[in-house]
Amino acid sequence: MRKKAPMKNGGYKLVDDVTKPNQGLINRLYLHPDISSAWYFNGSVYGQTVADERIKFDIYDNVNNVIEEFRRYRRTGVSRK
């Protein structure tokens, strides 16, 4: 959005609209023992593990599987998909 600064100065506030399913995913991530924080950015949900790994999650993902796949990919450089 090119006109962001004039809008902010004009008293308007720009915020991301987090959908209910994404909010549910963020809540699930907060409950997971391996996730230290979770947030919504640019239409996607991200989580940070206790090992300081930042991972992008999808609504229907199994959190354990995504973390395991991420770590496997970082070790070997090969995705199983």
PDB file of N, CA and C in Angstrom:
ATOM      1  N   MET A   1       0.848  -1.168   0.000  1.00  0.00           N
ATOM      2  CA  MET A   1       0.000   0.000   0.000  1.00  0.00           C
ATOM      3  C   MET A   1       0.896   1.234   0.000  1.00  0.00           C
ATOM      4  N   ARG A   2       0.874   1.985  -1.066  1.00  0.00           N
ATOM      5  CA  ARG A   2       1.766   3.131  -1.228  1.00  0.00           C
ATOM      6  C   ARG A   2       1.348   4.336  -0.397  1.00  0.00           C
ATOM      7  N   LYS A   3       0.110   4.427  -0.078  1.00  0.00           N
ATOM      8  CA  LYS A   3      -0.409   5.599   0.634  1.00  0.00           C
ATOM      9  C   LYS A   3      -0.511   5.351   2.138  1.00  0.00           C
ATOM     10  N   LYS A   4       0.337   4.500   2.662  1.00  0.00           N
ATOM     11  CA  LYS A   4       0.249   4.129   4.067  1.00  0.00           C
ATOM     12  C   LYS A   4       0.534   5.310   4.998  1.00  0.00           C
ATOM     13  N   ALA A   5       1.596   6.064   4.735  1.00  0.00           N
ATOM     14  CA  ALA A   5       1.966   7.169   5.624  1.00  0.00           C
ATOM     15  C   ALA A   5       0.875   8.238   5.704  1.00  0.00           C
ATOM     16  N   PRO A   6       0.327   8.696   4.577  1.00  0.00           N
ATOM     17  CA  PRO A   6      -0.749   9.695   4.692  1.00  0.00           C
ATOM     18  C   PRO A   6      -1.976   9.161   5.438  1.00  0.00           C
ATOM     19  N   MET A   7      -2.253   7.886   5.290  1.00  0.00           N
ATOM     20  CA  MET A   7      -3.400   7.320   6.002  1.00  0.00           C
ATOM     21  C   MET A   7      -3.136   7.291   7.502  1.00  0.00           C
ATOM     22  N   LYS A   8      -1.924   6.906   7.886  1.00  0.00           N
ATOM     23  CA  LYS A   8      -1.588   6.877   9.311  1.00  0.00           C
ATOM     24  C   LYS A   8      -1.633   8.276   9.907  1.00  0.00           C
ATOM     25  N   ASN A   9      -1.108   9.236   9.163  1.00  0.00           N
ATOM     26  CA  ASN A   9      -1.104  10.616   9.652  1.00  0.00           C
ATOM     27  C   ASN A   9      -2.509  11.202   9.686  1.00  0.00           C
ATOM     28  N   GLY A  10      -3.406  10.659   8.891  1.00  0.00           N
ATOM     29  CA  GLY A  10      -4.782  11.143   8.849  1.00  0.00           C
ATOM     30  C   GLY A  10      -5.651  10.564   9.950  1.00  0.00           C
ATOM     31  N   GLY A  11      -5.085   9.755  10.823  1.00  0.00           N
ATOM     32  CA  GLY A  11      -5.845   9.216  11.933  1.00  0.00           C
ATOM     33  C   GLY A  11      -6.396   7.820  11.695  1.00  0.00           C
ATOM     34  N   TYR A  12      -6.091   7.229  10.540  1.00  0.00           N
ATOM     35  CA  TYR A  12      -6.548   5.873  10.261  1.00  0.00           C
ATOM     36  C   TYR A  12      -5.524   4.874  10.778  1.00  0.00           C
ATOM     37  N   LYS A  13      -6.009   3.731  11.167  1.00  0.00           N
ATOM     38  CA  LYS A  13      -5.134   2.696  11.683  1.00  0.00           C
ATOM     39  C   LYS A  13      -5.220   1.478  10.763  1.00  0.00           C
ATOM     40  N   LEU A  14      -4.081   0.950  10.351  1.00  0.00           N
ATOM     41  CA  LEU A  14      -4.042  -0.227   9.488  1.00  0.00           C
ATOM     42  C   LEU A  14      -3.757  -1.457  10.344  1.00  0.00           C
ATOM     43  N   VAL A  15      -4.634  -2.446  10.255  1.00  0.00           N
ATOM     44  CA  VAL A  15      -4.449  -3.666  11.033  1.00  0.00           C
ATOM     45  C   VAL A  15      -4.750  -4.872  10.154  1.00  0.00           C
ATOM     46  N   ASP A  16      -4.155  -6.002  10.495  1.00  0.00           N
ATOM     47  CA  ASP A  16      -4.478  -7.259   9.830  1.00  0.00           C
ATOM     48  C   ASP A  16      -5.751  -7.810  10.440  1.00  0.00           C
ATOM     49  N   ASP A  17      -6.586  -8.379   9.605  1.00  0.00           N
ATOM     50  CA  ASP A  17      -7.816  -8.992  10.076  1.00  0.00           C
ATOM     51  C   ASP A  17      -7.566 -10.487  10.231  1.00  0.00           C
ATOM     52  N   VAL A  18      -7.414 -10.930  11.459  1.00  0.00           N
ATOM     53  CA  VAL A  18      -7.145 -12.340  11.726  1.00  0.00           C
ATOM     54  C   VAL A  18      -8.470 -13.090  11.701  1.00  0.00           C
ATOM     55  N   THR A  19      -8.555 -14.096  10.838  1.00  0.00           N
ATOM     56  CA  THR A  19      -9.784 -14.877  10.743  1.00  0.00           C
ATOM     57  C   THR A  19      -9.922 -15.783  11.962  1.00  0.00           C
ATOM     58  N   LYS A  20     -11.125 -16.250  12.180  1.00  0.00           N
ATOM     59  CA  LYS A  20     -11.381 -17.125  13.322  1.00  0.00           C
ATOM     60  C   LYS A  20     -10.558 -18.421  13.247  1.00  0.00           C
ATOM     61  N   PRO A  21     -10.457 -19.069  12.069  1.00  0.00           N
ATOM     62  CA  PRO A  21      -9.604 -20.270  12.008  1.00  0.00           C
ATOM     63  C   PRO A  21      -8.130 -19.973  12.314  1.00  0.00           C
ATOM     64  N   ASN A  22      -7.627 -18.834  11.843  1.00  0.00           N
ATOM     65  CA  ASN A  22      -6.239 -18.480  12.145  1.00  0.00           C
ATOM     66  C   ASN A  22      -6.061 -18.184  13.631  1.00  0.00           C
ATOM     67  N   GLN A  23      -7.053 -17.565  14.244  1.00  0.00           N
ATOM     68  CA  GLN A  23      -6.981 -17.319  15.684  1.00  0.00           C
ATOM     69  C   GLN A  23      -6.976 -18.642  16.443  1.00  0.00           C
ATOM     70  N   GLY A  24      -7.763 -19.596  15.962  1.00  0.00           N
ATOM     71  CA  GLY A  24      -7.761 -20.922  16.574  1.00  0.00           C
ATOM     72  C   GLY A  24      -6.409 -21.603  16.443  1.00  0.00           C
ATOM     73  N   LEU A  25      -5.773 -21.436  15.289  1.00  0.00           N
ATOM     74  CA  LEU A  25      -4.438 -22.005  15.086  1.00  0.00           C
ATOM     75  C   LEU A  25      -3.435 -21.361  16.036  1.00  0.00           C
ATOM     76  N   ILE A  26      -3.503 -20.065  16.191  1.00  0.00           N
ATOM     77  CA  ILE A  26      -2.598 -19.374  17.118  1.00  0.00           C
ATOM     78  C   ILE A  26      -2.815 -19.898  18.538  1.00  0.00           C
ATOM     79  N   ASN A  27      -4.062 -20.089  18.925  1.00  0.00           N
ATOM     80  CA  ASN A  27      -4.354 -20.633  20.255  1.00  0.00           C
ATOM     81  C   ASN A  27      -3.793 -22.045  20.408  1.00  0.00           C
ATOM     82  N   ARG A  28      -3.941 -22.876  19.351  1.00  0.00           N
ATOM     83  CA  ARG A  28      -3.372 -24.231  19.391  1.00  0.00           C
ATOM     84  C   ARG A  28      -1.859 -24.186  19.537  1.00  0.00           C
ATOM     85  N   LEU A  29      -1.232 -23.243  18.835  1.00  0.00           N
ATOM     86  CA  LEU A  29       0.224 -23.141  18.917  1.00  0.00           C
ATOM     87  C   LEU A  29       0.661 -22.737  20.323  1.00  0.00           C
ATOM     88  N   TYR A  30      -0.066 -21.811  20.939  1.00  0.00           N
ATOM     89  CA  TYR A  30       0.283 -21.394  22.303  1.00  0.00           C
ATOM     90  C   TYR A  30       0.172 -22.553  23.292  1.00  0.00           C
ATOM     91  N   LEU A  31      -0.715 -23.491  23.033  1.00  0.00           N
ATOM     92  CA  LEU A  31      -0.886 -24.635  23.932  1.00  0.00           C
ATOM     93  C   LEU A  31       0.164 -25.724  23.716  1.00  0.00           C
ATOM     94  N   HIS A  32       0.861 -25.670  22.595  1.00  0.00           N
ATOM     95  CA  HIS A  32       1.848 -26.707  22.275  1.00  0.00           C
ATOM     96  C   HIS A  32       3.116 -26.484  23.102  1.00  0.00           C
ATOM     97  N   PRO A  33       3.664 -27.543  23.698  1.00  0.00           N
ATOM     98  CA  PRO A  33       4.837 -27.374  24.569  1.00  0.00           C
ATOM     99  C   PRO A  33       6.115 -26.946  23.841  1.00  0.00           C
ATOM    100  N   ASP A  34       6.220 -27.214  22.535  1.00  0.00           N
ATOM    101  CA  ASP A  34       7.434 -26.851  21.795  1.00  0.00           C
ATOM    102  C   ASP A  34       7.391 -25.439  21.220  1.00  0.00           C
ATOM    103  N   ILE A  35       6.266 -24.750  21.342  1.00  0.00           N
ATOM    104  CA  ILE A  35       6.113 -23.414  20.769  1.00  0.00           C
ATOM    105  C   ILE A  35       6.189 -22.374  21.886  1.00  0.00           C
ATOM    106  N   SER A  36       7.086 -21.403  21.714  1.00  0.00           N
ATOM    107  CA  SER A  36       7.223 -20.355  22.730  1.00  0.00           C
ATOM    108  C   SER A  36       6.401 -19.119  22.391  1.00  0.00           C
ATOM    109  N   SER A  37       6.162 -18.852  21.099  1.00  0.00           N
ATOM    110  CA  SER A  37       5.317 -17.721  20.717  1.00  0.00           C
ATOM    111  C   SER A  37       4.699 -17.985  19.352  1.00  0.00           C
ATOM    112  N   ALA A  38       3.601 -17.287  19.084  1.00  0.00           N
ATOM    113  CA  ALA A  38       2.904 -17.425  17.809  1.00  0.00           C
ATOM    114  C   ALA A  38       2.353 -16.069  17.416  1.00  0.00           C
ATOM    115  N   TRP A  39       2.301 -15.805  16.107  1.00  0.00           N
ATOM    116  CA  TRP A  39       1.798 -14.523  15.642  1.00  0.00           C
ATOM    117  C   TRP A  39       1.257 -14.646  14.231  1.00  0.00           C
ATOM    118  N   TYR A  40       0.525 -13.630  13.835  1.00  0.00           N
ATOM    119  CA  TYR A  40      -0.082 -13.528  12.510  1.00  0.00           C
ATOM    120  C   TYR A  40       0.611 -12.398  11.775  1.00  0.00           C
ATOM    121  N   PHE A  41       1.069 -12.661  10.542  1.00  0.00           N
ATOM    122  CA  PHE A  41       1.747 -11.632   9.763  1.00  0.00           C
ATOM    123  C   PHE A  41       1.495 -11.872   8.284  1.00  0.00           C
ATOM    124  N   ASN A  42       1.023 -10.854   7.595  1.00  0.00           N
ATOM    125  CA  ASN A  42       0.819 -10.911   6.143  1.00  0.00           C
ATOM    126  C   ASN A  42      -0.037 -12.103   5.707  1.00  0.00           C
ATOM    127  N   GLY A  43      -1.066 -12.387   6.440  1.00  0.00           N
ATOM    128  CA  GLY A  43      -1.983 -13.450   6.058  1.00  0.00           C
ATOM    129  C   GLY A  43      -1.555 -14.846   6.446  1.00  0.00           C
ATOM    130  N   SER A  44      -0.474 -14.982   7.185  1.00  0.00           N
ATOM    131  CA  SER A  44       0.016 -16.299   7.591  1.00  0.00           C
ATOM    132  C   SER A  44       0.259 -16.335   9.093  1.00  0.00           C
ATOM    133  N   VAL A  45       0.237 -17.541   9.626  1.00  0.00           N
ATOM    134  CA  VAL A  45       0.488 -17.743  11.049  1.00  0.00           C
ATOM    135  C   VAL A  45       1.870 -18.370  11.206  1.00  0.00           C
ATOM    136  N   TYR A  46       2.643 -17.808  12.105  1.00  0.00           N
ATOM    137  CA  TYR A  46       3.993 -18.282  12.375  1.00  0.00           C
ATOM    138  C   TYR A  46       4.119 -18.645  13.846  1.00  0.00           C
ATOM    139  N   GLY A  47       5.019 -19.563  14.110  1.00  0.00           N
ATOM    140  CA  GLY A  47       5.313 -19.929  15.485  1.00  0.00           C
ATOM    141  C   GLY A  47       6.807 -20.017  15.680  1.00  0.00           C
ATOM    142  N   GLN A  48       7.237 -19.689  16.881  1.00  0.00           N
ATOM    143  CA  GLN A  48       8.653 -19.813  17.220  1.00  0.00           C
ATOM    144  C   GLN A  48       8.794 -20.911  18.258  1.00  0.00           C
ATOM    145  N   THR A  49       9.662 -21.857  17.962  1.00  0.00           N
ATOM    146  CA  THR A  49       9.861 -22.975  18.876  1.00  0.00           C
ATOM    147  C   THR A  49      10.767 -22.556  20.023  1.00  0.00           C
ATOM    148  N   VAL A  50      10.849 -23.412  21.016  1.00  0.00           N
ATOM    149  CA  VAL A  50      11.732 -23.138  22.146  1.00  0.00           C
ATOM    150  C   VAL A  50      13.196 -23.183  21.711  1.00  0.00           C
ATOM    151  N   ALA A  51      13.467 -23.778  20.545  1.00  0.00           N
ATOM    152  CA  ALA A  51      14.824 -23.815  19.987  1.00  0.00           C
ATOM    153  C   ALA A  51      15.064 -22.635  19.039  1.00  0.00           C
ATOM    154  N   ASP A  52      14.214 -21.604  19.110  1.00  0.00           N
ATOM    155  CA  ASP A  52      14.324 -20.380  18.301  1.00  0.00           C
ATOM    156  C   ASP A  52      14.213 -20.624  16.799  1.00  0.00           C
ATOM    157  N   GLU A  53      13.377 -21.568  16.405  1.00  0.00           N
ATOM    158  CA  GLU A  53      13.105 -21.813  14.993  1.00  0.00           C
ATOM    159  C   GLU A  53      11.779 -21.147  14.651  1.00  0.00           C
ATOM    160  N   ARG A  54      11.752 -20.372  13.587  1.00  0.00           N
ATOM    161  CA  ARG A  54      10.510 -19.726  13.149  1.00  0.00           C
ATOM    162  C   ARG A  54       9.915 -20.535  12.012  1.00  0.00           C
ATOM    163  N   ILE A  55       8.682 -20.984  12.224  1.00  0.00           N
ATOM    164  CA  ILE A  55       8.039 -21.896  11.284  1.00  0.00           C
ATOM    165  C   ILE A  55       6.673 -21.341  10.893  1.00  0.00           C
ATOM    166  N   LYS A  56       6.352 -21.460   9.609  1.00  0.00           N
ATOM    167  CA  LYS A  56       5.042 -21.045   9.105  1.00  0.00           C
ATOM    168  C   LYS A  56       4.083 -22.229   9.208  1.00  0.00           C
ATOM    169  N   PHE A  57       2.885 -21.972   9.743  1.00  0.00           N
ATOM    170  CA  PHE A  57       1.887 -23.020   9.930  1.00  0.00           C
ATOM    171  C   PHE A  57       0.642 -22.713   9.116  1.00  0.00           C
ATOM    172  N   ASP A  58      -0.063 -23.770   8.728  1.00  0.00           N
ATOM    173  CA  ASP A  58      -1.338 -23.650   8.036  1.00  0.00           C
ATOM    174  C   ASP A  58      -2.439 -24.130   8.974  1.00  0.00           C
ATOM    175  N   ILE A  59      -3.657 -23.747   8.695  1.00  0.00           N
ATOM    176  CA  ILE A  59      -4.784 -24.042   9.583  1.00  0.00           C
ATOM    177  C   ILE A  59      -4.927 -25.538   9.856  1.00  0.00           C
ATOM    178  N   TYR A  60      -4.749 -26.360   8.842  1.00  0.00           N
ATOM    179  CA  TYR A  60      -5.004 -27.796   8.988  1.00  0.00           C
ATOM    180  C   TYR A  60      -3.750 -28.606   9.301  1.00  0.00           C
ATOM    181  N   ASP A  61      -2.651 -27.943   9.600  1.00  0.00           N
ATOM    182  CA  ASP A  61      -1.401 -28.645   9.885  1.00  0.00           C
ATOM    183  C   ASP A  61      -1.434 -29.347  11.230  1.00  0.00           C
ATOM    184  N   ASN A  62      -0.763 -30.478  11.275  1.00  0.00           N
ATOM    185  CA  ASN A  62      -0.465 -31.135  12.536  1.00  0.00           C
ATOM    186  C   ASN A  62       0.830 -30.486  13.034  1.00  0.00           C
ATOM    187  N   VAL A  63       0.773 -29.822  14.158  1.00  0.00           N
ATOM    188  CA  VAL A  63       1.899 -29.017  14.639  1.00  0.00           C
ATOM    189  C   VAL A  63       3.150 -29.874  14.817  1.00  0.00           C
ATOM    190  N   ASN A  64       3.001 -31.046  15.402  1.00  0.00           N
ATOM    191  CA  ASN A  64       4.159 -31.926  15.601  1.00  0.00           C
ATOM    192  C   ASN A  64       4.810 -32.302  14.275  1.00  0.00           C
ATOM    193  N   ASN A  65       3.983 -32.640  13.284  1.00  0.00           N
ATOM    194  CA  ASN A  65       4.526 -33.032  11.977  1.00  0.00           C
ATOM    195  C   ASN A  65       5.245 -31.876  11.296  1.00  0.00           C
ATOM    196  N   VAL A  66       4.702 -30.682  11.390  1.00  0.00           N
ATOM    197  CA  VAL A  66       5.329 -29.523  10.745  1.00  0.00           C
ATOM    198  C   VAL A  66       6.685 -29.230  11.386  1.00  0.00           C
ATOM    199  N   ILE A  67       6.746 -29.301  12.697  1.00  0.00           N
ATOM    200  CA  ILE A  67       8.018 -29.061  13.391  1.00  0.00           C
ATOM    201  C   ILE A  67       9.035 -30.130  13.000  1.00  0.00           C
ATOM    202  N   GLU A  68       8.594 -31.378  12.972  1.00  0.00           N
ATOM    203  CA  GLU A  68       9.485 -32.484  12.605  1.00  0.00           C
ATOM    204  C   GLU A  68       9.985 -32.336  11.163  1.00  0.00           C
ATOM    205  N   GLU A  69       9.075 -32.008  10.237  1.00  0.00           N
ATOM    206  CA  GLU A  69       9.463 -31.811   8.835  1.00  0.00           C
ATOM    207  C   GLU A  69      10.435 -30.645   8.690  1.00  0.00           C
ATOM    208  N   PHE A  70      10.190 -29.572   9.417  1.00  0.00           N
ATOM    209  CA  PHE A  70      11.068 -28.409   9.359  1.00  0.00           C
ATOM    210  C   PHE A  70      12.478 -28.781   9.818  1.00  0.00           C
ATOM    211  N   ARG A  71      12.549 -29.507  10.909  1.00  0.00           N
ATOM    212  CA  ARG A  71      13.863 -29.900  11.438  1.00  0.00           C
ATOM    213  C   ARG A  71      14.558 -30.888  10.510  1.00  0.00           C
ATOM    214  N   ARG A  72      13.805 -31.804   9.922  1.00  0.00           N
ATOM    215  CA  ARG A  72      14.388 -32.763   8.978  1.00  0.00           C
ATOM    216  C   ARG A  72      14.937 -32.025   7.761  1.00  0.00           C
ATOM    217  N   TYR A  73      14.177 -31.060   7.269  1.00  0.00           N
ATOM    218  CA  TYR A  73      14.620 -30.290   6.106  1.00  0.00           C
ATOM    219  C   TYR A  73      15.882 -29.489   6.427  1.00  0.00           C
ATOM    220  N   ARG A  74      15.948 -28.922   7.622  1.00  0.00           N
ATOM    221  CA  ARG A  74      17.139 -28.154   8.004  1.00  0.00           C
ATOM    222  C   ARG A  74      18.364 -29.051   8.119  1.00  0.00           C
ATOM    223  N   ARG A  75      18.158 -30.297   8.564  1.00  0.00           N
ATOM    224  CA  ARG A  75      19.282 -31.228   8.708  1.00  0.00           C
ATOM    225  C   ARG A  75      19.757 -31.759   7.365  1.00  0.00           C
ATOM    226  N   THR A  76      18.802 -32.173   6.525  1.00  0.00           N
ATOM    227  CA  THR A  76      19.172 -32.888   5.303  1.00  0.00           C
ATOM    228  C   THR A  76      19.036 -32.052   4.039  1.00  0.00           C
ATOM    229  N   GLY A  77      18.200 -31.019   4.076  1.00  0.00           N
ATOM    230  CA  GLY A  77      17.965 -30.217   2.883  1.00  0.00           C
ATOM    231  C   GLY A  77      16.986 -30.858   1.921  1.00  0.00           C
ATOM    232  N   VAL A  78      16.344 -31.945   2.353  1.00  0.00           N
ATOM    233  CA  VAL A  78      15.409 -32.671   1.498  1.00  0.00           C
ATOM    234  C   VAL A  78      14.034 -32.669   2.145  1.00  0.00           C
ATOM    235  N   SER A  79      13.040 -32.274   1.364  1.00  0.00           N
ATOM    236  CA  SER A  79      11.666 -32.310   1.845  1.00  0.00           C
ATOM    237  C   SER A  79      11.058 -33.655   1.502  1.00  0.00           C
ATOM    238  N   ARG A  80      10.232 -34.177   2.382  1.00  0.00           N
ATOM    239  CA  ARG A  80       9.637 -35.492   2.168  1.00  0.00           C
ATOM    240  C   ARG A  80       8.420 -35.431   1.263  1.00  0.00           C
ATOM    241  N   LYS A  81       7.887 -34.276   0.991  1.00  0.00           N
ATOM    242  CA  LYS A  81       6.663 -34.150   0.193  1.00  0.00           C
ATOM    243  C   LYS A  81       6.862 -34.555  -1.231  1.00  0.00           C
TER     244      LYS A  81
END
